[in-house]
């Protein structure tokens, strides 16, 4: 069970790597070779992730929908950790005039994204690297799904939010879809129970799902929703939360005009 005020919750387990893939670090972000265990298939990857993460598809759709919070035309959208391209595709479909600048530390993920995007990849520039280390281009929106939990400390996250604020043009938005748990012990327990129930469908029982959850490596840090809002506000953003379903949220930071 996670402890402490920062709640170390781990929704991306080593189980993703159970078929022989190895983990490596790019900057301070741990990335995994997808090709080694999922044969670079968007469908296989999606099915695997859905079995581990509740509300996966709904969160992706809600992040793309939140682009409507931008108070400026959307021409350049930065996708932090483009992964398999699921969010990039949703954003391209939501903002027909936009182009995507996507970054990911795993070249195998980028390969999956190219397959998924197909002809839409003409509107996407993909960069290999860590979004913590690479300069962010001037843009109208920055989006992320299940990515920013790799930032290990509140101090580092605040600094990164400051970088995002400076990269955004006035009226632009930073949209983060991720696990944002409750701050209280009771609320956190309820959030975790939602996760255990989902894993029970995959692994046969709630007890087994809980054991799987507790066996995950401590590589992700999920900051409570209230603290996420405070960090964004300290970075200069006006903050809204257009969607939350325990334990996930879509958090929008708007750069003031």
Foldseek 3Di string as FASTA:
>chain_A
DADDQQGLFDQPFCVLVVQPWDWDDFPLFIDIANCSRQVLAPVSVVVVSCLRDPCQLVLLLVLLVCQVQFPDQFAEEEEAACFLVSSVQNNCVSRVNYAYEYEHQHVSRVSNNCVVCPVVCVRYHYYHGHPLPDQDAQGQEYEYEAHPQQQPDLVSVLVVLLSVLVSYDARGKYKYKYFAFARDPVRNVVLVQVSLVSNCVVVVHSVVSVVSRVPGDSRGTHGHPVSVCVSNVVSPFDKDWPDDDRGITMIMTHHHD
